[in-house]
């Protein structure tokens, strides 16, 4: 769990790379575990090209696979103003009938506006602008039950780079932008490395002798926020709610005792484990809010290997995997992925860093 060697101040521009638009996955592959898998060694330059369904053969008896069981809320709504202009709302929080949301086009809206969403199933009232496209809002449901209406007519909160342009199959996106083990509602974006798993793949992994444990980290709106600083260390992460159960802490301790590896599925599982990590490589159970920012120069105390997707240029997620495996190694792997046609981002292919 060594610290990669870097100068004290690292520039955001050092994590940029060329990504052709056609490498961005806008549709998931079927079935889930049909995605490609790049296997990258942390200790050398070797790269192998496999498939996600090969994971059981790549894991070892005694390993521990840690998954994030957050559940994505279908809190994205579409509607139209009286002028006919389209309005989109991503609800971030809700207490009763009031909450906060990103609403666009924000510049064409004003406090007091009422917009019918999803063919009138829900009415969105804008109460006050909070800046940056964020609004304090009130919702009215046709029938009175706001939460029930959101569950019934809401859309998957797909990232902005996934465009449907009227061709959206709401049911398919809601199903595929959710892990098969999602349990605890609270996320505004999916823990996308977990999207590759099927019940059959999980069963095959357990049959290999690999244990499975869960953490919860509710992915927040900070996942959409670009870095607005030139220096990596100047960035401040948006805090997200997490829980690490006692059973998972016990599983990590048992893994250490038998010499197995702790393998984080996704950057969210990784950040939760490291938030709760001790100097001895164990974790303390608990819950709270994490704003842990892992970038080159930061050490990892718990995670020995990681399954993750291919991330956006200059993103905190690319910085995290670069901290884990080295910036040059990661950028070289990303260049290879572009050359070989790997699919990037939420619905894309995966990488196992071990």
Protein backbone atom coordinates (compact mmCIF):
# COMPACT_ATOMS: atom_id res chain seq x y z
CA UNK A 1 0.00 0.00 0.00
CA UNK A 2 2.78 2.34 -0.93
CA UNK A 3 2.41 5.98 -1.81
CA UNK A 4 3.16 6.79 -5.43
CA UNK A 5 5.95 9.35 -5.71
CA UNK A 6 4.77 12.80 -6.89
CA UNK A 7 5.66 16.42 -6.36
CA UNK A 8 3.61 18.19 -3.72
CA UNK A 9 1.50 20.17 -6.18
CA UNK A 10 -0.09 18.34 -9.09
CA UNK A 11 -1.87 20.11 -11.94
CA UNK A 12 -5.34 19.08 -13.09
CA UNK A 13 -4.10 19.37 -16.67
CA UNK A 14 -1.78 16.39 -16.04
CA UNK A 15 -4.86 14.13 -16.05
CA UNK A 16 -6.13 15.06 -19.49
CA UNK A 17 -6.26 12.68 -22.45
CA UNK A 18 -7.76 12.58 -25.92
CA UNK A 19 -11.08 10.77 -26.07
CA UNK A 20 -12.94 10.48 -29.39
CA UNK A 21 -16.69 10.97 -28.90
CA UNK A 22 -17.43 7.54 -30.37
CA UNK A 23 -15.66 5.91 -27.42
CA UNK A 24 -18.32 7.17 -25.00
CA UNK A 25 -20.87 4.44 -24.30
CA UNK A 26 -24.44 5.68 -24.57
CA UNK A 27 -26.03 2.21 -24.35
CA UNK A 28 -25.11 -0.68 -22.06
CA UNK A 29 -24.04 -4.04 -23.45
CA UNK A 30 -26.25 -7.07 -22.92
CA UNK A 31 -25.97 -9.05 -20.80
CA UNK A 32 -24.30 -6.96 -18.12
CA UNK A 33 -21.21 -9.15 -17.82
CA UNK A 34 -20.54 -9.06 -21.58
CA UNK A 35 -18.48 -5.88 -21.10
CA UNK A 36 -14.77 -5.99 -21.88
CA UNK A 37 -12.25 -6.02 -19.03
CA UNK A 38 -8.75 -4.57 -19.13
CA UNK A 39 -6.49 -6.10 -16.46
CA UNK A 40 -3.67 -3.80 -15.32
CA UNK A 41 -0.84 -4.82 -13.00
CA UNK A 42 0.09 -2.19 -10.42
CA UNK A 43 3.62 -3.56 -10.10
CA UNK A 44 4.56 -3.63 -13.77
CA UNK A 45 3.58 -2.72 -17.30
CA UNK A 46 1.57 -5.81 -18.17
CA UNK A 47 -1.94 -5.33 -19.58
CA UNK A 48 -4.29 -8.20 -20.40
CA UNK A 49 -7.57 -8.02 -22.26
CA UNK A 50 -10.38 -10.17 -20.92
CA UNK A 51 -14.13 -9.94 -20.29
CA UNK A 52 -16.02 -9.12 -17.11
CA UNK A 53 -17.41 -12.65 -17.08
CA UNK A 54 -13.78 -13.83 -16.63
CA UNK A 55 -13.65 -12.28 -13.16
CA UNK A 56 -14.02 -15.58 -11.24
CA UNK A 57 -10.80 -16.83 -12.85
CA UNK A 58 -8.99 -13.58 -11.99
CA UNK A 59 -9.91 -13.61 -8.30
CA UNK A 60 -8.40 -15.86 -5.63
CA UNK A 61 -9.84 -18.11 -2.99
CA UNK A 62 -9.85 -16.00 0.19
CA UNK A 63 -10.30 -12.63 -1.54
CA UNK A 64 -13.02 -10.22 -0.43
CA UNK A 65 -15.12 -8.34 -3.00
CA UNK A 66 -16.69 -5.16 -1.59
CA UNK A 67 -19.77 -3.76 -3.38
CA UNK A 68 -21.69 -0.51 -2.92
CA UNK A 69 -25.39 -1.31 -2.38
CA UNK A 70 -26.74 2.23 -2.75
CA UNK A 71 -29.93 2.49 -4.79
CA UNK A 72 -30.39 5.20 -7.41
CA UNK A 73 -33.54 7.27 -7.02
CA UNK A 74 -35.49 7.88 -10.25
CA UNK A 75 -35.61 11.60 -9.60
CA UNK A 76 -35.05 13.02 -13.07
CA UNK A 77 -38.13 14.66 -14.61
CA UNK A 78 -38.95 16.21 -17.96
CA UNK A 79 -41.61 18.78 -18.74
CA UNK A 80 -42.51 21.83 -20.81
CA UNK A 81 -43.12 25.48 -20.09
CA UNK A 82 -46.24 27.21 -21.32
CA UNK A 83 -44.17 28.51 -24.26
CA UNK A 84 -43.39 24.94 -25.27
CA UNK A 85 -39.74 25.01 -24.19
CA UNK A 86 -38.35 21.85 -22.61
CA UNK A 87 -37.46 21.77 -18.91
CA UNK A 88 -35.44 19.09 -17.13
CA UNK A 89 -35.18 18.67 -13.37
CA UNK A 90 -32.81 16.48 -11.35
CA UNK A 91 -34.06 16.35 -7.80
CA UNK A 92 -31.22 16.22 -5.27
CA UNK A 93 -33.08 16.13 -1.97
CA UNK A 94 -36.68 16.01 -0.77
CA UNK A 95 -38.39 16.52 2.56
CA UNK A 96 -42.14 16.28 2.25
CA UNK A 97 -42.96 18.25 -0.87
CA UNK A 98 -39.91 20.56 -0.79
CA UNK A 99 -36.35 20.02 -1.85
CA UNK A 100 -33.45 21.13 -4.01
CA UNK A 101 -32.87 20.35 -7.66
CA UNK A 102 -30.80 21.17 -10.69
CA UNK A 103 -33.18 22.69 -13.24
CA UNK A 104 -32.39 23.63 -16.81
CA UNK A 105 -32.52 25.84 -18.76
CA UNK A 106 -32.05 27.79 -15.52
CA UNK A 107 -31.53 31.13 -17.25
CA UNK A 108 -34.99 31.01 -18.83
CA UNK A 109 -36.81 30.32 -15.57
CA UNK A 110 -37.82 32.55 -12.68
CA UNK A 111 -38.90 32.10 -9.09
CA UNK A 112 -42.62 31.41 -8.92
CA UNK A 113 -42.73 29.50 -12.21
CA UNK A 114 -44.84 26.35 -12.19
CA UNK A 115 -44.00 23.70 -14.77
CA UNK A 116 -45.98 20.50 -15.44
CA UNK A 117 -43.59 17.55 -15.52
CA UNK A 118 -44.10 14.09 -17.01
CA UNK A 119 -47.39 14.97 -18.68
CA UNK A 120 -48.79 16.61 -15.57
CA UNK A 121 -48.13 13.75 -13.14
CA UNK A 122 -46.00 16.19 -11.10
CA UNK A 123 -45.94 19.99 -11.02
CA UNK A 124 -42.61 21.65 -10.32
CA UNK A 125 -42.69 25.04 -8.58
CA UNK A 126 -39.49 27.06 -8.48
CA UNK A 127 -39.13 28.79 -5.12
CA UNK A 128 -35.68 30.43 -5.23
CA UNK A 129 -32.49 30.22 -7.27
CA UNK A 130 -29.50 28.92 -5.31
CA UNK A 131 -27.04 29.64 -8.14
CA UNK A 132 -25.32 27.41 -10.63
CA UNK A 133 -28.60 26.01 -11.98
CA UNK A 134 -29.63 24.81 -8.53
CA UNK A 135 -33.08 25.72 -7.18
CA UNK A 136 -35.16 25.39 -4.08
CA UNK A 137 -38.35 23.72 -5.33
CA UNK A 138 -41.74 22.44 -4.31
CA UNK A 139 -43.46 19.46 -5.94
CA UNK A 140 -47.14 18.72 -6.30
CA UNK A 141 -48.28 15.26 -7.37
CA UNK A 142 -51.45 14.51 -9.25
CA UNK A 143 -52.96 12.34 -6.54
CA UNK A 144 -51.07 13.86 -3.63
CA UNK A 145 -48.27 11.33 -3.03
CA UNK A 146 -45.07 12.99 -4.25
CA UNK A 147 -42.76 10.09 -3.41
CA UNK A 148 -45.07 7.56 -5.04
CA UNK A 149 -45.38 9.72 -8.15
CA UNK A 150 -41.59 10.01 -8.46
CA UNK A 151 -41.22 6.24 -8.20
CA UNK A 152 -43.92 5.80 -10.84
CA UNK A 153 -42.98 8.39 -13.49
CA UNK A 154 -39.40 9.44 -12.67
CA UNK A 155 -36.53 8.69 -15.01
CA UNK A 156 -33.05 7.31 -14.35
CA UNK A 157 -30.65 10.19 -13.57
CA UNK A 158 -28.40 9.44 -16.51
CA UNK A 159 -25.21 11.53 -16.77
CA UNK A 160 -25.43 14.52 -19.13
CA UNK A 161 -23.18 12.88 -21.74
CA UNK A 162 -25.77 10.11 -22.25
CA UNK A 163 -28.35 11.64 -24.57
CA UNK A 164 -31.60 10.00 -25.49
CA UNK A 165 -33.09 12.73 -27.72
CA UNK A 166 -36.61 11.39 -27.52
CA UNK A 167 -35.56 7.75 -27.92
CA UNK A 168 -35.56 6.96 -24.22
CA UNK A 169 -36.94 3.68 -22.96
CA UNK A 170 -37.62 4.73 -19.39
CA UNK A 171 -38.05 1.21 -18.01
CA UNK A 172 -34.84 -0.10 -19.61
CA UNK A 173 -32.74 2.83 -18.40
CA UNK A 174 -34.17 2.59 -14.89
CA UNK A 175 -33.27 -1.10 -14.79
CA UNK A 176 -29.81 -0.85 -16.37
CA UNK A 177 -28.74 2.24 -14.42
CA UNK A 178 -29.17 0.24 -11.21
CA UNK A 179 -27.02 -2.58 -9.82
CA UNK A 180 -28.68 -5.96 -9.30
CA UNK A 181 -27.76 -5.72 -5.59
CA UNK A 182 -29.01 -2.15 -5.01
CA UNK A 183 -30.72 -1.97 -1.63
CA UNK A 184 -30.55 1.41 0.15
CA UNK A 185 -32.21 4.36 -1.68
CA UNK A 186 -30.24 7.59 -1.73
CA UNK A 187 -27.99 8.03 -4.78
CA UNK A 188 -28.36 10.54 -7.61
CA UNK A 189 -25.93 8.54 -9.77
CA UNK A 190 -25.10 4.86 -10.03
CA UNK A 191 -21.92 3.23 -8.70
CA UNK A 192 -21.17 2.21 -12.25
CA UNK A 193 -18.52 -0.50 -11.74
CA UNK A 194 -21.26 -2.49 -10.02
CA UNK A 195 -23.48 -2.36 -13.12
CA UNK A 196 -21.45 -5.19 -14.70
CA UNK A 197 -22.57 -7.84 -12.22
CA UNK A 198 -25.34 -10.38 -12.75
CA UNK A 199 -26.69 -12.81 -10.15
CA UNK A 200 -24.96 -15.62 -12.04
CA UNK A 201 -21.60 -13.84 -12.03
CA UNK A 202 -21.86 -13.16 -8.30
CA UNK A 203 -22.68 -16.82 -7.68
CA UNK A 204 -19.68 -17.92 -9.76
CA UNK A 205 -17.41 -15.56 -7.81
CA UNK A 206 -18.62 -16.97 -4.49
CA UNK A 207 -18.16 -20.52 -5.81
CA UNK A 208 -14.52 -19.57 -6.43
CA UNK A 209 -14.10 -19.04 -2.66
CA UNK A 210 -14.34 -15.25 -2.80
CA UNK A 211 -16.35 -13.60 -0.03
CA UNK A 212 -18.70 -10.69 -0.79
CA UNK A 213 -19.42 -7.76 1.52
CA UNK A 214 -21.25 -4.47 1.17
CA UNK A 215 -20.82 -0.81 1.99
CA UNK A 216 -23.20 2.03 1.22
CA UNK A 217 -22.12 5.34 -0.24
CA UNK A 218 -24.85 7.52 -1.68
CA UNK A 219 -23.34 9.06 -4.79
CA UNK A 220 -24.14 12.78 -4.70
CA UNK A 221 -24.33 15.63 -7.15
CA UNK A 222 -20.60 16.23 -6.73
CA UNK A 223 -20.06 13.37 -9.17
CA UNK A 224 -21.25 15.72 -11.96
CA UNK A 225 -19.16 18.70 -10.86
CA UNK A 226 -16.04 19.53 -12.89
CA UNK A 227 -12.87 20.60 -11.12
CA UNK A 228 -12.70 24.39 -11.11
CA UNK A 229 -9.11 24.64 -9.88
CA UNK A 230 -5.79 24.39 -11.68
CA UNK A 231 -4.08 22.55 -8.83
CA UNK A 232 -5.43 19.16 -7.74
CA UNK A 233 -4.91 19.77 -4.02
CA UNK A 234 -7.07 22.91 -4.13
CA UNK A 235 -10.19 20.92 -5.03
CA UNK A 236 -12.69 20.18 -2.27
CA UNK A 237 -14.86 17.09 -2.60
CA UNK A 238 -18.61 17.23 -2.04
CA UNK A 239 -19.42 15.19 1.10
CA UNK A 240 -21.48 12.02 0.59
CA UNK A 241 -23.28 9.85 3.12
CA UNK A 242 -21.79 6.42 3.81
CA UNK A 243 -22.25 3.40 6.03
CA UNK A 244 -19.81 0.57 6.65
CA UNK A 245 -21.55 -2.26 8.54
CA UNK A 246 -19.91 -4.26 11.32
CA UNK A 247 -20.25 -7.38 9.15
CA UNK A 248 -18.06 -5.77 6.49
CA UNK A 249 -15.46 -4.71 9.04
CA UNK A 250 -15.39 -8.32 10.29
CA UNK A 251 -15.05 -9.56 6.70
CA UNK A 252 -12.03 -7.29 6.10
CA UNK A 253 -10.40 -8.55 9.31
CA UNK A 254 -11.03 -12.18 8.30
CA UNK A 255 -9.56 -11.49 4.85
CA UNK A 256 -6.42 -10.05 6.40
CA UNK A 257 -6.05 -13.08 8.68
CA UNK A 258 -6.21 -15.53 5.75
CA UNK A 259 -3.91 -13.51 3.49
CA UNK A 260 -6.57 -12.55 0.96
CA UNK A 261 -7.04 -9.31 -0.92
CA UNK A 262 -9.63 -6.60 -0.31
CA UNK A 263 -11.02 -5.73 -3.75
CA UNK A 264 -13.15 -2.60 -4.07
CA UNK A 265 -15.79 -2.59 -6.77
CA UNK A 266 -15.80 1.01 -7.89
CA UNK A 267 -14.32 4.24 -6.60
CA UNK A 268 -17.26 4.67 -4.21
CA UNK A 269 -16.55 1.40 -2.41
CA UNK A 270 -12.87 2.34 -2.40
CA UNK A 271 -13.51 5.75 -0.84
CA UNK A 272 -15.78 4.24 1.82
CA UNK A 273 -13.22 1.62 2.80
CA UNK A 274 -10.42 4.17 2.92
CA UNK A 275 -12.56 6.63 4.88
CA UNK A 276 -12.98 3.98 7.57
CA UNK A 277 -9.49 2.51 7.24
CA UNK A 278 -6.89 2.11 9.96
CA UNK A 279 -3.11 2.10 9.75
CA UNK A 280 -3.21 -1.68 10.19
CA UNK A 281 -5.23 -2.17 7.01
CA UNK A 282 -8.49 -2.84 8.87
CA UNK A 283 -11.71 -0.79 8.82
CA UNK A 284 -13.88 0.57 11.60
CA UNK A 285 -17.65 0.18 11.18
CA UNK A 286 -19.69 3.34 11.21
CA UNK A 287 -21.60 5.93 9.22
CA UNK A 288 -21.23 9.58 8.41
CA UNK A 289 -20.30 11.87 5.54
CA UNK A 290 -17.09 11.43 3.57
CA UNK A 291 -15.28 14.09 1.59
CA UNK A 292 -12.16 11.98 1.16
CA UNK A 293 -10.20 13.00 -1.94
CA UNK A 294 -7.67 10.42 -3.12
CA UNK A 295 -5.14 11.76 -5.61
CA UNK A 296 -1.47 11.03 -6.38
CA UNK A 297 0.54 11.35 -3.22
CA UNK A 298 -2.22 9.94 -1.02
CA UNK A 299 -1.85 6.40 0.34
CA UNK A 300 -4.30 3.48 0.43
CA UNK A 301 -4.55 1.61 3.72
CA UNK A 302 -7.22 -1.00 2.95
CA UNK A 303 -7.80 -1.61 -0.76
CA UNK A 304 -5.49 -4.10 -2.49
CA UNK A 305 -7.20 -4.24 -5.90
CA UNK A 306 -9.99 -2.39 -7.65
CA UNK A 307 -12.57 -2.94 -10.37
CA UNK A 308 -13.54 0.32 -11.99
CA UNK A 309 -14.84 1.84 -15.23
CA UNK A 310 -12.95 4.21 -17.55
CA UNK A 311 -13.35 7.75 -16.29
CA UNK A 312 -13.64 11.29 -17.61
CA UNK A 313 -10.53 13.30 -18.42
CA UNK A 314 -9.37 15.57 -15.58
CA UNK A 315 -11.85 13.97 -13.16
CA UNK A 316 -11.42 13.15 -9.48
CA UNK A 317 -12.10 9.52 -10.38
CA UNK A 318 -9.17 9.38 -12.80
CA UNK A 319 -7.06 10.98 -10.08
CA UNK A 320 -8.12 8.29 -7.62
CA UNK A 321 -7.10 5.39 -9.87
CA UNK A 322 -3.89 7.26 -10.70
CA UNK A 323 -3.14 7.50 -6.99
CA UNK A 324 -3.74 3.76 -6.73
CA UNK A 325 -1.68 2.59 -9.71
CA UNK A 326 0.39 5.57 -10.87
CA UNK A 327 -0.54 8.40 -13.22
CA UNK A 328 1.71 7.37 -16.11
CA UNK A 329 0.55 3.75 -15.92
CA UNK A 330 -3.09 4.81 -15.93
CA UNK A 331 -2.73 7.29 -18.78
CA UNK A 332 -0.87 4.67 -20.82
CA UNK A 333 -3.66 2.17 -20.13
CA UNK A 334 -6.25 4.75 -21.16
CA UNK A 335 -4.41 5.42 -24.42
CA UNK A 336 -4.42 1.69 -25.10
CA UNK A 337 -8.13 1.54 -24.29
CA UNK A 338 -8.86 4.31 -26.80
CA UNK A 339 -6.78 2.60 -29.48
CA UNK A 340 -8.48 -0.77 -28.96
CA UNK A 341 -12.02 0.59 -28.89
CA UNK A 342 -12.89 0.15 -25.22
CA UNK A 343 -16.13 1.86 -24.22
CA UNK A 344 -15.85 4.68 -21.68
CA UNK A 345 -17.85 6.04 -18.73
CA UNK A 346 -21.00 4.83 -16.98
CA UNK A 347 -22.27 2.27 -19.52
CA UNK A 348 -18.77 1.39 -20.70
CA UNK A 349 -16.22 -1.36 -20.13
CA UNK A 350 -14.23 -2.10 -17.00
CA UNK A 351 -10.68 -2.24 -15.69
CA UNK A 352 -9.30 -4.50 -12.98
CA UNK A 353 -6.28 -2.95 -11.27
CA UNK A 354 -4.49 -5.62 -9.25
